[in-house]
Amino acid sequence: MNFREAFSNYAKGDYMEHFWAVYWRRERAKNRLWKDILTFRLSRMAHKHGGYLGKGAKFADTPTLPHGLHGIFISRYAAIGANCRIYQNVTIGEVERKAPTVGNNCLIGAGAVLIGGISIGDNVKIGAGAVVCTDIPDNCTVVSPPCRIIKRG
C-alpha cells in the first residue's frame, strides 16, 4: 500500500491498526497519567470518526470493524469476546451501570442495539437493526423487531 492509499484509509477511519495499538498500550499502562493521556487520544480518535469506546470497555481480542468506528457506541461496562465482528452504527449500551457481555465469535449487524446487563453467548449472529434486551444462548441467530430466536445451534 502506498502512502496516498494509507493516508486516505486513515482519513476515512478505515485504518484501525493505529487505534487498536493505542488501545492495547493503554490497557498495559501502569502510570495513571500515561493512561489518562492515552484515553484522551483514544477518545479523540473515536470522536473523529463518530464512534465512542468507553474507558472501561473490555475486549478479549481486537474485534473486526469492517466500517471502522463509524457510529459505534460501546459502553464502558461492556465486555466483548474474541473474534467478534461489529458493523457500523451498533450500540452496546448500559442500564444502571450494567452492560452486555458478548461471547466469542459473534457477529453484530449494522444498526443493532444491545442494552442492559445481558449475556450474549458464543457464535451468536445478531441481525441488522435488532434490538436485544434479553439473554441469548450460544449458537443462535437473532433478528428483530421484536427480538426472537430464529435458529438454534
N, C-alpha and C. Protein backbone atom coordinates (compact mmCIF):
# COMPACT_ATOMS: atom_id res chain seq x y z
N MET A 1 0.85 -1.17 0.00
CA MET A 1 0.00 0.00 0.00
C MET A 1 0.90 1.23 0.00
N ASN A 2 0.62 2.16 -0.93
CA ASN A 2 1.43 3.37 -0.98
C ASN A 2 0.93 4.39 0.03
N PHE A 3 1.66 5.48 0.16
CA PHE A 3 1.35 6.50 1.16
C PHE A 3 -0.02 7.10 0.93
N ARG A 4 -0.37 7.38 -0.31
CA ARG A 4 -1.66 8.01 -0.62
C ARG A 4 -2.83 7.12 -0.17
N GLU A 5 -2.76 5.83 -0.46
CA GLU A 5 -3.82 4.90 -0.05
C GLU A 5 -3.89 4.80 1.47
N ALA A 6 -2.74 4.71 2.12
CA ALA A 6 -2.71 4.61 3.57
C ALA A 6 -3.29 5.87 4.21
N PHE A 7 -2.93 7.04 3.70
CA PHE A 7 -3.44 8.29 4.25
C PHE A 7 -4.95 8.41 4.02
N SER A 8 -5.42 7.99 2.86
CA SER A 8 -6.85 8.02 2.56
C SER A 8 -7.63 7.09 3.49
N ASN A 9 -7.11 5.88 3.71
CA ASN A 9 -7.76 4.94 4.62
C ASN A 9 -7.80 5.49 6.05
N TYR A 10 -6.71 6.12 6.48
CA TYR A 10 -6.66 6.68 7.82
C TYR A 10 -7.69 7.81 7.96
N ALA A 11 -7.77 8.68 6.95
CA ALA A 11 -8.69 9.81 6.99
C ALA A 11 -10.15 9.36 7.01
N LYS A 12 -10.47 8.26 6.34
CA LYS A 12 -11.84 7.74 6.31
C LYS A 12 -12.18 6.96 7.58
N GLY A 13 -11.18 6.62 8.37
CA GLY A 13 -11.44 5.84 9.58
C GLY A 13 -11.29 4.35 9.35
N ASP A 14 -10.80 3.97 8.19
CA ASP A 14 -10.64 2.56 7.89
C ASP A 14 -9.30 2.00 8.38
N TYR A 15 -8.42 2.87 8.82
CA TYR A 15 -7.10 2.44 9.29
C TYR A 15 -7.17 2.28 10.81
N MET A 16 -7.60 1.12 11.25
CA MET A 16 -7.84 0.89 12.67
C MET A 16 -6.63 0.34 13.41
N GLU A 17 -5.57 -0.02 12.70
CA GLU A 17 -4.41 -0.60 13.36
C GLU A 17 -3.82 0.35 14.41
N HIS A 18 -3.74 1.63 14.06
CA HIS A 18 -3.19 2.62 15.00
C HIS A 18 -4.10 2.76 16.23
N PHE A 19 -5.41 2.80 16.01
CA PHE A 19 -6.36 2.92 17.11
C PHE A 19 -6.18 1.77 18.09
N TRP A 20 -6.15 0.54 17.57
CA TRP A 20 -6.04 -0.62 18.46
C TRP A 20 -4.66 -0.71 19.12
N ALA A 21 -3.62 -0.23 18.43
CA ALA A 21 -2.30 -0.20 19.06
C ALA A 21 -2.32 0.73 20.28
N VAL A 22 -2.96 1.88 20.14
CA VAL A 22 -3.08 2.80 21.27
C VAL A 22 -3.95 2.19 22.36
N TYR A 23 -5.04 1.51 21.99
CA TYR A 23 -5.92 0.87 22.98
C TYR A 23 -5.16 -0.17 23.81
N TRP A 24 -4.44 -1.06 23.15
CA TRP A 24 -3.72 -2.11 23.89
C TRP A 24 -2.58 -1.53 24.71
N ARG A 25 -1.97 -0.44 24.23
CA ARG A 25 -0.93 0.23 25.02
C ARG A 25 -1.55 0.82 26.29
N ARG A 26 -2.75 1.40 26.17
CA ARG A 26 -3.43 1.94 27.35
C ARG A 26 -3.77 0.82 28.35
N GLU A 27 -4.20 -0.33 27.85
CA GLU A 27 -4.55 -1.44 28.74
C GLU A 27 -3.34 -1.93 29.53
N ARG A 28 -2.15 -1.82 28.93
CA ARG A 28 -0.93 -2.28 29.61
C ARG A 28 -0.30 -1.21 30.49
N ALA A 29 -0.74 0.05 30.34
CA ALA A 29 -0.11 1.16 31.06
C ALA A 29 -0.30 1.03 32.56
N LYS A 30 0.76 1.30 33.30
CA LYS A 30 0.72 1.25 34.75
C LYS A 30 0.56 2.65 35.35
N ASN A 31 1.16 3.65 34.71
CA ASN A 31 1.14 5.02 35.18
C ASN A 31 -0.22 5.65 34.88
N ARG A 32 -0.87 6.22 35.90
CA ARG A 32 -2.21 6.79 35.73
C ARG A 32 -2.20 7.97 34.75
N LEU A 33 -1.20 8.82 34.82
CA LEU A 33 -1.11 9.96 33.91
C LEU A 33 -1.01 9.48 32.46
N TRP A 34 -0.13 8.51 32.22
CA TRP A 34 0.03 7.97 30.88
C TRP A 34 -1.27 7.33 30.39
N LYS A 35 -1.95 6.63 31.28
CA LYS A 35 -3.23 6.00 30.94
C LYS A 35 -4.27 7.07 30.57
N ASP A 36 -4.30 8.17 31.32
CA ASP A 36 -5.24 9.25 31.01
C ASP A 36 -4.92 9.92 29.68
N ILE A 37 -3.65 10.08 29.38
CA ILE A 37 -3.24 10.68 28.10
C ILE A 37 -3.68 9.76 26.95
N LEU A 38 -3.44 8.47 27.10
CA LEU A 38 -3.85 7.53 26.05
C LEU A 38 -5.37 7.46 25.92
N THR A 39 -6.09 7.56 27.02
CA THR A 39 -7.56 7.59 26.98
C THR A 39 -8.04 8.82 26.23
N PHE A 40 -7.43 9.95 26.49
CA PHE A 40 -7.79 11.17 25.76
C PHE A 40 -7.55 11.00 24.26
N ARG A 41 -6.40 10.43 23.92
CA ARG A 41 -6.07 10.21 22.50
C ARG A 41 -7.08 9.26 21.84
N LEU A 42 -7.44 8.19 22.53
CA LEU A 42 -8.44 7.26 22.00
C LEU A 42 -9.79 7.93 21.81
N SER A 43 -10.19 8.74 22.78
CA SER A 43 -11.46 9.44 22.67
C SER A 43 -11.48 10.38 21.47
N ARG A 44 -10.38 11.07 21.25
CA ARG A 44 -10.31 11.98 20.09
C ARG A 44 -10.34 11.20 18.78
N MET A 45 -9.63 10.08 18.73
CA MET A 45 -9.62 9.27 17.51
C MET A 45 -11.02 8.72 17.22
N ALA A 46 -11.70 8.25 18.26
CA ALA A 46 -13.04 7.69 18.08
C ALA A 46 -14.02 8.79 17.69
N HIS A 47 -13.92 9.94 18.35
CA HIS A 47 -14.84 11.05 18.05
C HIS A 47 -14.69 11.54 16.62
N LYS A 48 -13.48 11.54 16.13
CA LYS A 48 -13.21 11.98 14.76
C LYS A 48 -14.02 11.17 13.75
N HIS A 49 -14.26 9.92 14.05
CA HIS A 49 -14.98 9.04 13.13
C HIS A 49 -16.39 8.71 13.61
N GLY A 50 -16.90 9.47 14.59
CA GLY A 50 -18.28 9.32 15.00
C GLY A 50 -18.54 8.13 15.90
N GLY A 51 -17.55 7.63 16.59
CA GLY A 51 -17.73 6.48 17.48
C GLY A 51 -17.42 6.83 18.91
N TYR A 52 -17.70 5.90 19.80
CA TYR A 52 -17.38 6.07 21.22
C TYR A 52 -17.01 4.71 21.78
N LEU A 53 -15.90 4.67 22.47
CA LEU A 53 -15.44 3.46 23.13
C LEU A 53 -15.19 3.82 24.59
N GLY A 54 -16.03 3.31 25.49
CA GLY A 54 -15.92 3.65 26.90
C GLY A 54 -14.59 3.26 27.50
N LYS A 55 -14.15 4.04 28.48
CA LYS A 55 -12.84 3.85 29.10
C LYS A 55 -12.66 2.47 29.71
N GLY A 56 -13.70 1.88 30.27
CA GLY A 56 -13.57 0.59 30.93
C GLY A 56 -13.99 -0.60 30.08
N ALA A 57 -14.33 -0.38 28.81
CA ALA A 57 -14.75 -1.48 27.94
C ALA A 57 -13.63 -2.51 27.82
N LYS A 58 -14.00 -3.77 27.93
CA LYS A 58 -13.00 -4.85 27.90
C LYS A 58 -13.16 -5.67 26.62
N PHE A 59 -12.05 -5.94 25.98
CA PHE A 59 -12.01 -6.74 24.76
C PHE A 59 -11.07 -7.91 24.98
N ALA A 60 -11.51 -9.12 24.66
CA ALA A 60 -10.65 -10.29 24.77
C ALA A 60 -9.60 -10.29 23.66
N ASP A 61 -9.97 -9.70 22.54
CA ASP A 61 -9.11 -9.66 21.36
C ASP A 61 -9.57 -8.46 20.54
N THR A 62 -8.77 -8.03 19.59
CA THR A 62 -9.16 -6.93 18.73
C THR A 62 -10.35 -7.35 17.86
N PRO A 63 -11.49 -6.65 17.97
CA PRO A 63 -12.64 -7.02 17.14
C PRO A 63 -12.44 -6.55 15.70
N THR A 64 -13.17 -7.17 14.80
CA THR A 64 -13.14 -6.74 13.41
C THR A 64 -14.24 -5.70 13.21
N LEU A 65 -13.86 -4.52 12.76
CA LEU A 65 -14.79 -3.44 12.50
C LEU A 65 -14.70 -3.11 11.00
N PRO A 66 -15.49 -3.77 10.15
CA PRO A 66 -15.36 -3.58 8.71
C PRO A 66 -15.53 -2.14 8.24
N HIS A 67 -16.27 -1.33 8.99
CA HIS A 67 -16.52 0.06 8.60
C HIS A 67 -15.85 1.05 9.55
N GLY A 68 -14.86 0.62 10.27
CA GLY A 68 -14.21 1.49 11.23
C GLY A 68 -15.12 1.75 12.42
N LEU A 69 -14.90 2.86 13.10
CA LEU A 69 -15.69 3.20 14.28
C LEU A 69 -16.95 3.99 13.96
N HIS A 70 -17.34 4.06 12.70
CA HIS A 70 -18.45 4.90 12.28
C HIS A 70 -19.75 4.55 13.00
N GLY A 71 -20.14 5.42 13.94
CA GLY A 71 -21.40 5.27 14.65
C GLY A 71 -21.42 4.20 15.72
N ILE A 72 -20.31 3.59 16.04
CA ILE A 72 -20.29 2.53 17.04
C ILE A 72 -20.17 3.13 18.44
N PHE A 73 -21.07 2.73 19.34
CA PHE A 73 -21.05 3.15 20.73
C PHE A 73 -20.90 1.90 21.59
N ILE A 74 -19.84 1.84 22.38
CA ILE A 74 -19.62 0.71 23.27
C ILE A 74 -19.45 1.26 24.68
N SER A 75 -20.34 0.85 25.57
CA SER A 75 -20.34 1.32 26.96
C SER A 75 -19.06 0.95 27.68
N ARG A 76 -18.73 1.73 28.67
CA ARG A 76 -17.53 1.45 29.46
C ARG A 76 -17.67 0.20 30.32
N TYR A 77 -18.87 -0.30 30.48
CA TYR A 77 -19.09 -1.50 31.28
C TYR A 77 -19.19 -2.77 30.42
N ALA A 78 -19.10 -2.63 29.12
CA ALA A 78 -19.27 -3.77 28.21
C ALA A 78 -18.03 -4.66 28.19
N ALA A 79 -18.26 -5.93 27.87
CA ALA A 79 -17.17 -6.90 27.68
C ALA A 79 -17.42 -7.62 26.37
N ILE A 80 -16.44 -7.58 25.49
CA ILE A 80 -16.56 -8.16 24.15
C ILE A 80 -15.59 -9.33 24.04
N GLY A 81 -16.06 -10.48 23.59
CA GLY A 81 -15.24 -11.67 23.45
C GLY A 81 -14.29 -11.59 22.25
N ALA A 82 -13.56 -12.66 22.05
CA ALA A 82 -12.58 -12.74 20.97
C ALA A 82 -13.26 -13.01 19.63
N ASN A 83 -12.63 -12.52 18.57
CA ASN A 83 -13.03 -12.80 17.20
C ASN A 83 -14.45 -12.34 16.89
N CYS A 84 -14.83 -11.15 17.37
CA CYS A 84 -16.15 -10.60 17.09
C CYS A 84 -16.09 -9.64 15.91
N ARG A 85 -17.18 -9.57 15.17
CA ARG A 85 -17.30 -8.67 14.02
C ARG A 85 -18.45 -7.72 14.32
N ILE A 86 -18.16 -6.42 14.32
CA ILE A 86 -19.15 -5.41 14.66
C ILE A 86 -19.26 -4.43 13.49
N TYR A 87 -20.45 -4.31 12.94
CA TYR A 87 -20.69 -3.41 11.81
C TYR A 87 -21.05 -2.01 12.29
N GLN A 88 -21.27 -1.07 11.36
CA GLN A 88 -21.49 0.33 11.69
C GLN A 88 -22.80 0.56 12.44
N ASN A 89 -22.82 1.67 13.19
CA ASN A 89 -24.00 2.15 13.93
C ASN A 89 -24.51 1.17 14.97
N VAL A 90 -23.65 0.39 15.57
CA VAL A 90 -24.04 -0.55 16.64
C VAL A 90 -23.93 0.16 17.98
N THR A 91 -24.92 -0.08 18.83
CA THR A 91 -24.89 0.46 20.20
C THR A 91 -24.86 -0.71 21.17
N ILE A 92 -23.85 -0.72 22.01
CA ILE A 92 -23.77 -1.68 23.11
C ILE A 92 -23.82 -0.82 24.37
N GLY A 93 -25.04 -0.63 24.87
CA GLY A 93 -25.29 0.35 25.91
C GLY A 93 -25.54 -0.22 27.28
N GLU A 94 -25.60 0.67 28.24
CA GLU A 94 -25.73 0.28 29.63
C GLU A 94 -27.06 0.75 30.21
N VAL A 95 -27.51 0.04 31.22
CA VAL A 95 -28.66 0.45 32.04
C VAL A 95 -28.24 0.22 33.48
N GLU A 96 -28.26 1.28 34.27
CA GLU A 96 -27.88 1.21 35.66
C GLU A 96 -26.50 0.57 35.87
N ARG A 97 -25.53 1.00 35.08
CA ARG A 97 -24.15 0.53 35.15
C ARG A 97 -23.98 -0.95 34.83
N LYS A 98 -24.90 -1.50 34.08
CA LYS A 98 -24.78 -2.88 33.62
C LYS A 98 -24.88 -2.86 32.11
N ALA A 99 -23.90 -3.47 31.46
CA ALA A 99 -23.85 -3.51 30.00
C ALA A 99 -23.72 -4.95 29.53
N PRO A 100 -23.97 -5.20 28.26
CA PRO A 100 -23.90 -6.57 27.73
C PRO A 100 -22.50 -7.18 27.81
N THR A 101 -22.50 -8.49 27.95
CA THR A 101 -21.29 -9.29 27.83
C THR A 101 -21.47 -10.11 26.57
N VAL A 102 -20.62 -9.88 25.59
CA VAL A 102 -20.72 -10.55 24.29
C VAL A 102 -19.71 -11.68 24.25
N GLY A 103 -20.14 -12.86 23.84
CA GLY A 103 -19.27 -14.03 23.78
C GLY A 103 -18.30 -13.99 22.60
N ASN A 104 -17.61 -15.08 22.39
CA ASN A 104 -16.63 -15.19 21.31
C ASN A 104 -17.31 -15.51 19.98
N ASN A 105 -16.65 -15.13 18.88
CA ASN A 105 -17.09 -15.44 17.51
C ASN A 105 -18.49 -14.93 17.21
N CYS A 106 -18.82 -13.74 17.68
CA CYS A 106 -20.15 -13.17 17.43
C CYS A 106 -20.10 -12.20 16.26
N LEU A 107 -21.24 -12.07 15.60
CA LEU A 107 -21.41 -11.09 14.53
C LEU A 107 -22.57 -10.19 14.94
N ILE A 108 -22.33 -8.88 14.94
CA ILE A 108 -23.36 -7.92 15.30
C ILE A 108 -23.60 -7.04 14.08
N GLY A 109 -24.80 -7.16 13.49
CA GLY A 109 -25.13 -6.47 12.25
C GLY A 109 -25.31 -4.97 12.42
N ALA A 110 -25.33 -4.27 11.30
CA ALA A 110 -25.43 -2.82 11.27
C ALA A 110 -26.69 -2.34 11.98
N GLY A 111 -26.53 -1.33 12.82
CA GLY A 111 -27.65 -0.71 13.49
C GLY A 111 -28.24 -1.49 14.64
N ALA A 112 -27.62 -2.58 15.04
CA ALA A 112 -28.14 -3.37 16.16
C ALA A 112 -27.93 -2.63 17.48
N VAL A 113 -28.83 -2.89 18.42
CA VAL A 113 -28.75 -2.28 19.74
C VAL A 113 -28.78 -3.39 20.77
N LEU A 114 -27.75 -3.46 21.61
CA LEU A 114 -27.69 -4.41 22.73
C LEU A 114 -27.68 -3.56 23.98
N ILE A 115 -28.62 -3.78 24.86
CA ILE A 115 -28.76 -2.88 26.00
C ILE A 115 -29.02 -3.63 27.29
N GLY A 116 -28.43 -3.14 28.37
CA GLY A 116 -28.65 -3.70 29.70
C GLY A 116 -27.64 -4.77 30.06
N GLY A 117 -27.79 -5.33 31.23
CA GLY A 117 -26.87 -6.35 31.73
C GLY A 117 -27.19 -7.73 31.20
N ILE A 118 -27.15 -7.89 29.91
CA ILE A 118 -27.49 -9.16 29.27
C ILE A 118 -26.23 -9.93 28.90
N SER A 119 -26.42 -11.19 28.59
CA SER A 119 -25.31 -12.04 28.18
C SER A 119 -25.60 -12.59 26.79
N ILE A 120 -24.67 -12.41 25.90
CA ILE A 120 -24.78 -12.92 24.54
C ILE A 120 -23.81 -14.10 24.45
N GLY A 121 -24.29 -15.27 24.07
CA GLY A 121 -23.47 -16.47 24.03
C GLY A 121 -22.44 -16.46 22.91
N ASP A 122 -21.68 -17.54 22.82
CA ASP A 122 -20.68 -17.70 21.77
C ASP A 122 -21.36 -18.05 20.45
N ASN A 123 -20.74 -17.65 19.34
CA ASN A 123 -21.20 -17.98 17.98
C ASN A 123 -22.60 -17.47 17.70
N VAL A 124 -22.95 -16.32 18.22
CA VAL A 124 -24.27 -15.72 18.00
C VAL A 124 -24.18 -14.73 16.85
N LYS A 125 -25.22 -14.73 16.02
CA LYS A 125 -25.34 -13.75 14.94
C LYS A 125 -26.54 -12.88 15.25
N ILE A 126 -26.31 -11.57 15.32
CA ILE A 126 -27.37 -10.61 15.60
C ILE A 126 -27.60 -9.82 14.32
N GLY A 127 -28.83 -9.88 13.82
CA GLY A 127 -29.16 -9.25 12.54
C GLY A 127 -29.15 -7.74 12.60
N ALA A 128 -29.10 -7.13 11.43
CA ALA A 128 -29.11 -5.68 11.32
C ALA A 128 -30.40 -5.12 11.88
N GLY A 129 -30.28 -4.07 12.68
CA GLY A 129 -31.44 -3.41 13.26
C GLY A 129 -32.07 -4.10 14.43
N ALA A 130 -31.50 -5.19 14.90
CA ALA A 130 -32.08 -5.92 16.03
C ALA A 130 -31.93 -5.12 17.32
N VAL A 131 -32.94 -5.21 18.17
CA VAL A 131 -32.88 -4.61 19.49
C VAL A 131 -32.89 -5.77 20.48
N VAL A 132 -31.77 -5.98 21.15
CA VAL A 132 -31.62 -7.14 22.04
C VAL A 132 -31.56 -6.66 23.49
N CYS A 133 -32.50 -7.14 24.29
CA CYS A 133 -32.53 -6.75 25.70
C CYS A 133 -32.75 -7.97 26.60
N THR A 134 -32.57 -9.17 26.04
CA THR A 134 -32.66 -10.40 26.83
C THR A 134 -31.43 -11.26 26.54
N ASP A 135 -31.15 -12.19 27.44
CA ASP A 135 -30.01 -13.08 27.26
C ASP A 135 -30.22 -13.95 26.02
N ILE A 136 -29.13 -14.21 25.29
CA ILE A 136 -29.16 -15.04 24.10
C ILE A 136 -28.20 -16.21 24.32
N PRO A 137 -28.69 -17.46 24.17
CA PRO A 137 -27.80 -18.63 24.36
C PRO A 137 -26.82 -18.79 23.21
N ASP A 138 -25.88 -19.71 23.37
CA ASP A 138 -24.87 -19.99 22.34
C ASP A 138 -25.51 -20.46 21.04
N ASN A 139 -24.80 -20.21 19.93
CA ASN A 139 -25.13 -20.74 18.60
C ASN A 139 -26.53 -20.36 18.12
N CYS A 140 -26.93 -19.12 18.32
CA CYS A 140 -28.25 -18.66 17.88
C CYS A 140 -28.10 -17.55 16.86
N THR A 141 -29.16 -17.37 16.08
CA THR A 141 -29.29 -16.24 15.18
C THR A 141 -30.48 -15.43 15.66
N VAL A 142 -30.29 -14.12 15.81
CA VAL A 142 -31.33 -13.26 16.37
C VAL A 142 -31.66 -12.15 15.38
N VAL A 143 -32.97 -11.92 15.18
CA VAL A 143 -33.43 -10.80 14.36
C VAL A 143 -34.50 -10.05 15.14
N SER A 144 -34.88 -8.90 14.64
CA SER A 144 -35.82 -8.07 15.37
C SER A 144 -36.54 -7.16 14.41
N PRO A 145 -37.54 -6.45 14.73
CA PRO A 145 -38.30 -6.48 15.96
C PRO A 145 -39.43 -7.48 15.90
N PRO A 146 -39.99 -7.95 16.94
CA PRO A 146 -39.38 -7.99 18.26
C PRO A 146 -38.24 -9.00 18.28
N CYS A 147 -37.42 -8.92 19.26
CA CYS A 147 -36.28 -9.82 19.38
C CYS A 147 -36.79 -11.27 19.51
N ARG A 148 -36.35 -12.13 18.59
CA ARG A 148 -36.74 -13.53 18.66
C ARG A 148 -35.61 -14.38 18.09
N ILE A 149 -35.52 -15.59 18.55
CA ILE A 149 -34.51 -16.52 18.07
C ILE A 149 -35.11 -17.27 16.89
N ILE A 150 -34.42 -17.25 15.75
CA ILE A 150 -34.95 -17.94 14.58
C ILE A 150 -34.24 -19.25 14.30
N LYS A 151 -33.10 -19.46 14.95
CA LYS A 151 -32.37 -20.70 14.73
C LYS A 151 -31.55 -21.04 15.95
N ARG A 152 -31.63 -22.27 16.38
CA ARG A 152 -30.80 -22.75 17.50
C ARG A 152 -29.77 -23.72 16.96
N GLY A 153 -28.53 -23.59 17.51
CA GLY A 153 -27.42 -24.46 17.26
C GLY A 153 -27.46 -25.16 15.99
